All heavy atoms as atom14 arrays in JSON, in Angstrom:
{
  "sequence": "VIVDPGLPNETIETVIAPGNWTYINNNETLTTTVQFPEIDPAT",
  "atom14_mask": [
    [1, 1, 1, 1, 1, 1, 1, 0, 0, 0, 0, 0, 0, 0],
    [1, 1, 1, 1, 1, 1, 1, 1, 0, 0, 0, 0, 0, 0],
    [1, 1, 1, 1, 1, 1, 1, 0, 0, 0, 0, 0, 0, 0],
    [1, 1, 1, 1, 1, 1, 1, 1, 0, 0, 0, 0, 0, 0],
    [1, 1, 1, 1, 1, 1, 1, 0, 0, 0, 0, 0, 0, 0],
    [1, 1, 1, 1, 0, 0, 0, 0, 0, 0, 0, 0, 0, 0],
    [1, 1, 1, 1, 1, 1, 1, 1, 0, 0, 0, 0, 0, 0],
    [1, 1, 1, 1, 1, 1, 1, 0, 0, 0, 0, 0, 0, 0],
    [1, 1, 1, 1, 1, 1, 1, 1, 0, 0, 0, 0, 0, 0],
    [1, 1, 1, 1, 1, 1, 1, 1, 1, 0, 0, 0, 0, 0],
    [1, 1, 1, 1, 1, 1, 1, 0, 0, 0, 0, 0, 0, 0],
    [1, 1, 1, 1, 1, 1, 1, 1, 0, 0, 0, 0, 0, 0],
    [1, 1, 1, 1, 1, 1, 1, 1, 1, 0, 0, 0, 0, 0],
    [1, 1, 1, 1, 1, 1, 1, 0, 0, 0, 0, 0, 0, 0],
    [1, 1, 1, 1, 1, 1, 1, 0, 0, 0, 0, 0, 0, 0],
    [1, 1, 1, 1, 1, 1, 1, 1, 0, 0, 0, 0, 0, 0],
    [1, 1, 1, 1, 1, 0, 0, 0, 0, 0, 0, 0, 0, 0],
    [1, 1, 1, 1, 1, 1, 1, 0, 0, 0, 0, 0, 0, 0],
    [1, 1, 1, 1, 0, 0, 0, 0, 0, 0, 0, 0, 0, 0],
    [1, 1, 1, 1, 1, 1, 1, 1, 0, 0, 0, 0, 0, 0],
    [1, 1, 1, 1, 1, 1, 1, 1, 1, 1, 1, 1, 1, 1],
    [1, 1, 1, 1, 1, 1, 1, 0, 0, 0, 0, 0, 0, 0],
    [1, 1, 1, 1, 1, 1, 1, 1, 1, 1, 1, 1, 0, 0],
    [1, 1, 1, 1, 1, 1, 1, 1, 0, 0, 0, 0, 0, 0],
    [1, 1, 1, 1, 1, 1, 1, 1, 0, 0, 0, 0, 0, 0],
    [1, 1, 1, 1, 1, 1, 1, 1, 0, 0, 0, 0, 0, 0],
    [1, 1, 1, 1, 1, 1, 1, 1, 0, 0, 0, 0, 0, 0],
    [1, 1, 1, 1, 1, 1, 1, 1, 1, 0, 0, 0, 0, 0],
    [1, 1, 1, 1, 1, 1, 1, 0, 0, 0, 0, 0, 0, 0],
    [1, 1, 1, 1, 1, 1, 1, 1, 0, 0, 0, 0, 0, 0],
    [1, 1, 1, 1, 1, 1, 1, 0, 0, 0, 0, 0, 0, 0],
    [1, 1, 1, 1, 1, 1, 1, 0, 0, 0, 0, 0, 0, 0],
    [1, 1, 1, 1, 1, 1, 1, 0, 0, 0, 0, 0, 0, 0],
    [1, 1, 1, 1, 1, 1, 1, 0, 0, 0, 0, 0, 0, 0],
    [1, 1, 1, 1, 1, 1, 1, 1, 1, 0, 0, 0, 0, 0],
    [1, 1, 1, 1, 1, 1, 1, 1, 1, 1, 1, 0, 0, 0],
    [1, 1, 1, 1, 1, 1, 1, 0, 0, 0, 0, 0, 0, 0],
    [1, 1, 1, 1, 1, 1, 1, 1, 1, 0, 0, 0, 0, 0],
    [1, 1, 1, 1, 1, 1, 1, 1, 0, 0, 0, 0, 0, 0],
    [1, 1, 1, 1, 1, 1, 1, 1, 0, 0, 0, 0, 0, 0],
    [1, 1, 1, 1, 1, 1, 1, 0, 0, 0, 0, 0, 0, 0],
    [1, 1, 1, 1, 1, 0, 0, 0, 0, 0, 0, 0, 0, 0],
    [1, 1, 1, 1, 1, 1, 1, 0, 0, 0, 0, 0, 0, 0]
  ],
  "atom14_positions": [
    [[81.53, 99.48, 62.42], [82.09, 98.65, 63.48], [81.54, 97.24, 63.29], [80.34, 97.03, 63.25], [81.7, 99.22, 64.89], [82.24, 98.31, 65.97], [82.21, 100.61, 65.03], [0.0, 0.0, 0.0], [0.0, 0.0, 0.0], [0.0, 0.0, 0.0], [0.0, 0.0, 0.0], [0.0, 0.0, 0.0], [0.0, 0.0, 0.0], [0.0, 0.0, 0.0]],
    [[82.46, 96.31, 63.19], [82.06, 94.93, 62.99], [82.36, 94.18, 64.28], [83.47, 94.19, 64.79], [82.86, 94.28, 61.82], [82.53, 95.05, 60.54], [82.51, 92.82, 61.7], [83.39, 94.65, 59.36], [0.0, 0.0, 0.0], [0.0, 0.0, 0.0], [0.0, 0.0, 0.0], [0.0, 0.0, 0.0], [0.0, 0.0, 0.0], [0.0, 0.0, 0.0]],
    [[81.32, 93.54, 64.83], [81.44, 92.79, 66.04], [81.28, 91.31, 65.68], [80.26, 90.94, 65.12], [80.42, 93.24, 67.09], [80.52, 92.35, 68.34], [80.59, 94.69, 67.42], [0.0, 0.0, 0.0], [0.0, 0.0, 0.0], [0.0, 0.0, 0.0], [0.0, 0.0, 0.0], [0.0, 0.0, 0.0], [0.0, 0.0, 0.0], [0.0, 0.0, 0.0]],
    [[82.25, 90.54, 66.04], [82.19, 89.1, 65.76], [81.51, 88.42, 66.94], [82.07, 88.37, 68.03], [83.59, 88.55, 65.57], [83.59, 87.08, 65.16], [82.54, 86.44, 65.24], [84.66, 86.6, 64.8], [0.0, 0.0, 0.0], [0.0, 0.0, 0.0], [0.0, 0.0, 0.0], [0.0, 0.0, 0.0], [0.0, 0.0, 0.0], [0.0, 0.0, 0.0]],
    [[80.29, 87.88, 66.74], [79.59, 87.24, 67.85], [80.29, 85.98, 68.34], [80.0, 85.44, 69.39], [78.21, 86.95, 67.3], [78.4, 86.91, 65.83], [79.51, 87.85, 65.53], [0.0, 0.0, 0.0], [0.0, 0.0, 0.0], [0.0, 0.0, 0.0], [0.0, 0.0, 0.0], [0.0, 0.0, 0.0], [0.0, 0.0, 0.0], [0.0, 0.0, 0.0]],
    [[81.27, 85.5, 67.56], [82.0, 84.29, 67.98], [83.07, 84.6, 69.01], [83.71, 83.69, 69.51], [0.0, 0.0, 0.0], [0.0, 0.0, 0.0], [0.0, 0.0, 0.0], [0.0, 0.0, 0.0], [0.0, 0.0, 0.0], [0.0, 0.0, 0.0], [0.0, 0.0, 0.0], [0.0, 0.0, 0.0], [0.0, 0.0, 0.0], [0.0, 0.0, 0.0]],
    [[83.32, 85.89, 69.31], [84.34, 86.26, 70.28], [83.71, 87.02, 71.45], [83.81, 88.22, 71.54], [85.41, 87.14, 69.6], [86.19, 86.52, 68.46], [87.15, 87.53, 67.84], [86.99, 85.31, 68.94], [0.0, 0.0, 0.0], [0.0, 0.0, 0.0], [0.0, 0.0, 0.0], [0.0, 0.0, 0.0], [0.0, 0.0, 0.0], [0.0, 0.0, 0.0]],
    [[83.02, 86.32, 72.33], [82.33, 87.05, 73.44], [83.33, 87.45, 74.53], [84.24, 86.69, 74.85], [81.35, 85.99, 73.95], [82.06, 84.69, 73.68], [82.81, 84.9, 72.39], [0.0, 0.0, 0.0], [0.0, 0.0, 0.0], [0.0, 0.0, 0.0], [0.0, 0.0, 0.0], [0.0, 0.0, 0.0], [0.0, 0.0, 0.0], [0.0, 0.0, 0.0]],
    [[83.11, 88.64, 75.04], [83.86, 89.07, 76.23], [83.17, 88.56, 77.47], [81.98, 88.25, 77.44], [83.99, 90.6, 76.24], [84.75, 91.12, 75.04], [85.64, 90.45, 74.51], [84.39, 92.29, 74.6], [0.0, 0.0, 0.0], [0.0, 0.0, 0.0], [0.0, 0.0, 0.0], [0.0, 0.0, 0.0], [0.0, 0.0, 0.0], [0.0, 0.0, 0.0]],
    [[83.88, 88.5, 78.56], [83.34, 87.96, 79.79], [83.9, 88.75, 80.98], [85.07, 89.11, 80.99], [83.72, 86.48, 79.93], [83.21, 85.82, 81.17], [83.65, 84.36, 81.27], [84.57, 83.95, 80.58], [83.05, 83.66, 82.11], [0.0, 0.0, 0.0], [0.0, 0.0, 0.0], [0.0, 0.0, 0.0], [0.0, 0.0, 0.0], [0.0, 0.0, 0.0]],
    [[83.06, 89.05, 81.96], [83.52, 89.72, 83.18], [83.23, 88.81, 84.35], [82.17, 88.25, 84.48], [82.76, 91.06, 83.38], [83.06, 91.94, 82.29], [83.2, 91.74, 84.65], [0.0, 0.0, 0.0], [0.0, 0.0, 0.0], [0.0, 0.0, 0.0], [0.0, 0.0, 0.0], [0.0, 0.0, 0.0], [0.0, 0.0, 0.0], [0.0, 0.0, 0.0]],
    [[84.23, 88.67, 85.2], [84.12, 87.83, 86.4], [84.42, 88.71, 87.61], [85.45, 89.43, 87.63], [85.09, 86.64, 86.38], [84.77, 85.74, 85.18], [85.05, 85.85, 87.67], [85.75, 84.63, 84.95], [0.0, 0.0, 0.0], [0.0, 0.0, 0.0], [0.0, 0.0, 0.0], [0.0, 0.0, 0.0], [0.0, 0.0, 0.0], [0.0, 0.0, 0.0]],
    [[83.54, 88.7, 88.58], [83.76, 89.44, 89.82], [83.95, 88.41, 90.95], [83.29, 87.42, 91.02], [82.59, 90.33, 90.15], [82.45, 91.49, 89.19], [81.36, 92.43, 89.57], [80.46, 92.06, 90.39], [81.33, 93.55, 89.06], [0.0, 0.0, 0.0], [0.0, 0.0, 0.0], [0.0, 0.0, 0.0], [0.0, 0.0, 0.0], [0.0, 0.0, 0.0]],
    [[84.93, 88.74, 91.81], [85.19, 87.89, 92.99], [85.57, 88.8, 94.14], [85.67, 90.03, 93.99], [86.32, 86.87, 92.69], [86.41, 85.97, 93.75], [87.64, 87.56, 92.42], [0.0, 0.0, 0.0], [0.0, 0.0, 0.0], [0.0, 0.0, 0.0], [0.0, 0.0, 0.0], [0.0, 0.0, 0.0], [0.0, 0.0, 0.0], [0.0, 0.0, 0.0]],
    [[85.76, 88.23, 95.29], [86.04, 88.98, 96.51], [87.36, 88.44, 97.11], [87.52, 87.21, 97.21], [84.9, 88.89, 97.52], [85.27, 89.55, 98.83], [83.63, 89.54, 96.94], [0.0, 0.0, 0.0], [0.0, 0.0, 0.0], [0.0, 0.0, 0.0], [0.0, 0.0, 0.0], [0.0, 0.0, 0.0], [0.0, 0.0, 0.0], [0.0, 0.0, 0.0]],
    [[88.21, 89.36, 97.5], [89.44, 88.97, 98.2], [89.2, 89.19, 99.72], [88.94, 90.3, 100.15], [90.65, 89.82, 97.74], [90.83, 89.68, 96.24], [91.91, 89.43, 98.5], [91.85, 90.65, 95.64], [0.0, 0.0, 0.0], [0.0, 0.0, 0.0], [0.0, 0.0, 0.0], [0.0, 0.0, 0.0], [0.0, 0.0, 0.0], [0.0, 0.0, 0.0]],
    [[89.24, 88.1, 100.45], [89.0, 88.18, 101.9], [90.19, 88.85, 102.58], [91.34, 88.74, 102.13], [88.79, 86.8, 102.46], [0.0, 0.0, 0.0], [0.0, 0.0, 0.0], [0.0, 0.0, 0.0], [0.0, 0.0, 0.0], [0.0, 0.0, 0.0], [0.0, 0.0, 0.0], [0.0, 0.0, 0.0], [0.0, 0.0, 0.0], [0.0, 0.0, 0.0]],
    [[89.97, 89.56, 103.7], [91.05, 90.26, 104.41], [92.2, 89.31, 104.79], [93.38, 89.69, 104.76], [90.35, 90.8, 105.65], [88.95, 90.97, 105.26], [88.65, 89.85, 104.32], [0.0, 0.0, 0.0], [0.0, 0.0, 0.0], [0.0, 0.0, 0.0], [0.0, 0.0, 0.0], [0.0, 0.0, 0.0], [0.0, 0.0, 0.0], [0.0, 0.0, 0.0]],
    [[91.89, 88.09, 105.15], [92.92, 87.16, 105.56], [93.79, 86.59, 104.44], [94.77, 85.91, 104.69], [0.0, 0.0, 0.0], [0.0, 0.0, 0.0], [0.0, 0.0, 0.0], [0.0, 0.0, 0.0], [0.0, 0.0, 0.0], [0.0, 0.0, 0.0], [0.0, 0.0, 0.0], [0.0, 0.0, 0.0], [0.0, 0.0, 0.0], [0.0, 0.0, 0.0]],
    [[93.44, 86.91, 103.18], [94.19, 86.39, 102.05], [95.44, 87.22, 101.7], [96.22, 86.82, 100.87], [93.31, 86.28, 100.82], [92.28, 85.19, 100.95], [92.25, 84.46, 101.93], [91.39, 85.09, 99.97], [0.0, 0.0, 0.0], [0.0, 0.0, 0.0], [0.0, 0.0, 0.0], [0.0, 0.0, 0.0], [0.0, 0.0, 0.0], [0.0, 0.0, 0.0]],
    [[95.58, 88.4, 102.34], [96.72, 89.28, 102.05], [97.94, 88.85, 102.88], [97.82, 88.48, 104.04], [96.37, 90.73, 102.36], [95.29, 91.27, 101.47], [93.97, 91.32, 101.76], [95.43, 91.84, 100.16], [93.26, 91.87, 100.72], [94.16, 92.18, 99.72], [96.53, 92.04, 99.34], [93.94, 92.77, 98.49], [96.28, 92.62, 98.1], [95.02, 93.0, 97.68]],
    [[99.11, 88.87, 102.27], [100.37, 88.52, 102.93], [101.39, 89.62, 102.74], [101.49, 90.2, 101.66], [100.94, 87.22, 102.31], [99.95, 86.19, 102.37], [102.18, 86.77, 103.02], [0.0, 0.0, 0.0], [0.0, 0.0, 0.0], [0.0, 0.0, 0.0], [0.0, 0.0, 0.0], [0.0, 0.0, 0.0], [0.0, 0.0, 0.0], [0.0, 0.0, 0.0]],
    [[102.14, 89.94, 103.81], [103.21, 90.92, 103.72], [104.46, 90.3, 103.11], [104.83, 89.16, 103.44], [103.56, 91.49, 105.1], [102.58, 92.51, 105.6], [101.64, 92.2, 106.57], [102.64, 93.81, 105.09], [100.75, 93.15, 107.03], [101.73, 94.77, 105.56], [100.81, 94.44, 106.53], [99.93, 95.38, 106.97], [0.0, 0.0, 0.0], [0.0, 0.0, 0.0]],
    [[105.14, 91.06, 102.23], [106.43, 90.67, 101.7], [107.3, 91.93, 101.65], [106.82, 93.02, 101.93], [106.32, 90.04, 100.28], [105.69, 90.98, 99.29], [105.55, 88.7, 100.34], [105.74, 90.48, 97.84], [0.0, 0.0, 0.0], [0.0, 0.0, 0.0], [0.0, 0.0, 0.0], [0.0, 0.0, 0.0], [0.0, 0.0, 0.0], [0.0, 0.0, 0.0]],
    [[108.57, 91.78, 101.3], [109.52, 92.88, 101.17], [109.59, 93.74, 102.46], [109.4, 94.96, 102.42], [109.16, 93.8, 100.0], [109.21, 93.09, 98.66], [109.92, 92.1, 98.51], [108.46, 93.55, 97.71], [0.0, 0.0, 0.0], [0.0, 0.0, 0.0], [0.0, 0.0, 0.0], [0.0, 0.0, 0.0], [0.0, 0.0, 0.0], [0.0, 0.0, 0.0]],
    [[109.84, 93.08, 103.56], [109.96, 93.8, 104.86], [108.71, 94.6, 105.18], [108.77, 95.74, 105.63], [111.19, 94.71, 104.88], [112.48, 93.91, 104.78], [112.57, 92.83, 105.35], [113.46, 94.44, 104.11], [0.0, 0.0, 0.0], [0.0, 0.0, 0.0], [0.0, 0.0, 0.0], [0.0, 0.0, 0.0], [0.0, 0.0, 0.0], [0.0, 0.0, 0.0]],
    [[107.56, 94.03, 104.93], [106.25, 94.65, 105.19], [105.98, 95.9, 104.35], [105.11, 96.68, 104.72], [106.1, 94.95, 106.7], [106.02, 93.7, 107.56], [105.71, 92.64, 107.02], [106.28, 93.82, 108.8], [0.0, 0.0, 0.0], [0.0, 0.0, 0.0], [0.0, 0.0, 0.0], [0.0, 0.0, 0.0], [0.0, 0.0, 0.0], [0.0, 0.0, 0.0]],
    [[106.68, 96.06, 103.26], [106.46, 97.21, 102.38], [105.41, 96.89, 101.3], [104.92, 97.79, 100.64], [107.75, 97.65, 101.72], [108.74, 98.25, 102.7], [110.05, 98.62, 102.01], [110.15, 98.54, 100.78], [110.98, 99.02, 102.73], [0.0, 0.0, 0.0], [0.0, 0.0, 0.0], [0.0, 0.0, 0.0], [0.0, 0.0, 0.0], [0.0, 0.0, 0.0]],
    [[105.08, 95.63, 101.14], [104.14, 95.21, 100.1], [103.18, 94.17, 100.64], [103.56, 93.24, 101.35], [104.9, 94.57, 98.91], [105.88, 95.48, 98.42], [103.99, 94.2, 97.81], [0.0, 0.0, 0.0], [0.0, 0.0, 0.0], [0.0, 0.0, 0.0], [0.0, 0.0, 0.0], [0.0, 0.0, 0.0], [0.0, 0.0, 0.0], [0.0, 0.0, 0.0]],
    [[101.9, 94.36, 100.32], [100.87, 93.36, 100.6], [100.58, 92.65, 99.26], [100.45, 93.32, 98.21], [99.6, 93.99, 101.1], [99.5, 94.28, 102.57], [98.28, 95.15, 102.87], [99.4, 92.97, 103.35], [0.0, 0.0, 0.0], [0.0, 0.0, 0.0], [0.0, 0.0, 0.0], [0.0, 0.0, 0.0], [0.0, 0.0, 0.0], [0.0, 0.0, 0.0]],
    [[100.45, 91.35, 99.28], [100.2, 90.62, 98.06], [99.16, 89.51, 98.3], [99.03, 89.03, 99.42], [101.5, 90.02, 97.48], [101.23, 89.42, 96.24], [102.1, 89.01, 98.43], [0.0, 0.0, 0.0], [0.0, 0.0, 0.0], [0.0, 0.0, 0.0], [0.0, 0.0, 0.0], [0.0, 0.0, 0.0], [0.0, 0.0, 0.0], [0.0, 0.0, 0.0]],
    [[98.43, 89.2, 97.25], [97.53, 88.07, 97.27], [97.42, 87.5, 95.87], [97.53, 88.25, 94.88], [96.12, 88.43, 97.82], [95.35, 87.24, 97.95], [95.42, 89.4, 96.92], [0.0, 0.0, 0.0], [0.0, 0.0, 0.0], [0.0, 0.0, 0.0], [0.0, 0.0, 0.0], [0.0, 0.0, 0.0], [0.0, 0.0, 0.0], [0.0, 0.0, 0.0]],
    [[97.24, 86.21, 95.75], [97.07, 85.58, 94.45], [95.67, 84.97, 94.4], [95.29, 84.21, 95.28], [98.13, 84.51, 94.22], [99.43, 85.15, 94.23], [97.94, 83.83, 92.89], [0.0, 0.0, 0.0], [0.0, 0.0, 0.0], [0.0, 0.0, 0.0], [0.0, 0.0, 0.0], [0.0, 0.0, 0.0], [0.0, 0.0, 0.0], [0.0, 0.0, 0.0]],
    [[94.93, 85.31, 93.34], [93.59, 84.81, 93.14], [93.62, 83.81, 91.97], [94.13, 84.16, 90.91], [92.6, 85.96, 92.84], [91.19, 85.44, 92.64], [92.64, 87.0, 93.94], [0.0, 0.0, 0.0], [0.0, 0.0, 0.0], [0.0, 0.0, 0.0], [0.0, 0.0, 0.0], [0.0, 0.0, 0.0], [0.0, 0.0, 0.0], [0.0, 0.0, 0.0]],
    [[93.12, 82.63, 92.24], [93.09, 81.6, 91.17], [92.04, 81.93, 90.11], [90.91, 82.25, 90.45], [92.85, 80.23, 91.78], [93.91, 79.8, 92.77], [95.31, 79.78, 92.19], [95.54, 79.25, 91.12], [96.24, 80.4, 92.89], [0.0, 0.0, 0.0], [0.0, 0.0, 0.0], [0.0, 0.0, 0.0], [0.0, 0.0, 0.0], [0.0, 0.0, 0.0]],
    [[92.44, 81.86, 88.84], [91.56, 82.05, 87.71], [91.81, 80.95, 86.7], [92.62, 81.06, 85.83], [91.79, 83.43, 87.04], [91.03, 84.53, 87.68], [91.59, 85.27, 88.69], [89.73, 84.85, 87.27], [90.9, 86.32, 89.28], [89.04, 85.89, 87.83], [89.62, 86.64, 88.84], [0.0, 0.0, 0.0], [0.0, 0.0, 0.0], [0.0, 0.0, 0.0]],
    [[91.08, 79.8, 86.84], [91.31, 78.72, 85.88], [90.91, 79.12, 84.45], [91.31, 78.48, 83.49], [90.42, 77.6, 86.42], [89.44, 78.22, 87.33], [90.1, 79.46, 87.86], [0.0, 0.0, 0.0], [0.0, 0.0, 0.0], [0.0, 0.0, 0.0], [0.0, 0.0, 0.0], [0.0, 0.0, 0.0], [0.0, 0.0, 0.0], [0.0, 0.0, 0.0]],
    [[90.18, 80.22, 84.34], [89.78, 80.72, 83.02], [90.99, 81.22, 82.19], [90.94, 81.34, 80.98], [88.77, 81.89, 83.14], [87.46, 81.51, 83.77], [87.52, 81.53, 85.31], [88.55, 81.88, 85.9], [86.5, 81.17, 85.91], [0.0, 0.0, 0.0], [0.0, 0.0, 0.0], [0.0, 0.0, 0.0], [0.0, 0.0, 0.0], [0.0, 0.0, 0.0]],
    [[92.09, 81.53, 82.88], [93.32, 81.97, 82.19], [94.11, 80.73, 81.82], [95.11, 80.38, 82.4], [94.14, 82.93, 83.08], [93.28, 84.08, 83.59], [95.3, 83.48, 82.26], [94.0, 84.98, 84.58], [0.0, 0.0, 0.0], [0.0, 0.0, 0.0], [0.0, 0.0, 0.0], [0.0, 0.0, 0.0], [0.0, 0.0, 0.0], [0.0, 0.0, 0.0]],
    [[93.58, 80.06, 80.81], [94.27, 78.86, 80.27], [95.35, 79.32, 79.29], [95.49, 80.48, 79.01], [93.25, 77.91, 79.66], [92.44, 78.55, 78.53], [92.83, 79.6, 78.01], [91.4, 77.96, 78.17], [0.0, 0.0, 0.0], [0.0, 0.0, 0.0], [0.0, 0.0, 0.0], [0.0, 0.0, 0.0], [0.0, 0.0, 0.0], [0.0, 0.0, 0.0]],
    [[96.15, 78.4, 78.73], [97.21, 78.81, 77.81], [96.7, 79.62, 76.62], [97.33, 80.61, 76.21], [97.84, 77.5, 77.36], [97.64, 76.59, 78.58], [96.28, 76.96, 79.11], [0.0, 0.0, 0.0], [0.0, 0.0, 0.0], [0.0, 0.0, 0.0], [0.0, 0.0, 0.0], [0.0, 0.0, 0.0], [0.0, 0.0, 0.0], [0.0, 0.0, 0.0]],
    [[95.57, 79.25, 76.04], [95.04, 80.02, 74.89], [94.62, 81.41, 75.3], [94.9, 82.4, 74.6], [93.89, 79.24, 74.23], [0.0, 0.0, 0.0], [0.0, 0.0, 0.0], [0.0, 0.0, 0.0], [0.0, 0.0, 0.0], [0.0, 0.0, 0.0], [0.0, 0.0, 0.0], [0.0, 0.0, 0.0], [0.0, 0.0, 0.0], [0.0, 0.0, 0.0]],
    [[93.93, 81.52, 76.43], [93.48, 82.84, 76.91], [94.71, 83.69, 77.25], [94.77, 84.87, 76.9], [92.59, 82.67, 78.14], [91.44, 81.92, 77.78], [92.17, 84.0, 78.72], [0.0, 0.0, 0.0], [0.0, 0.0, 0.0], [0.0, 0.0, 0.0], [0.0, 0.0, 0.0], [0.0, 0.0, 0.0], [0.0, 0.0, 0.0], [0.0, 0.0, 0.0]]
  ]
}
């Protein structure tokens, strides 16, 4: 197994507050969007 140290993995943990959820589709779906600037075009 060859591991390239130039390609590090990263884990980010965050919390979704209860007030961030929104109902859509006649209240059949709850949705929330969390901003992740780490997801740039290359990522």
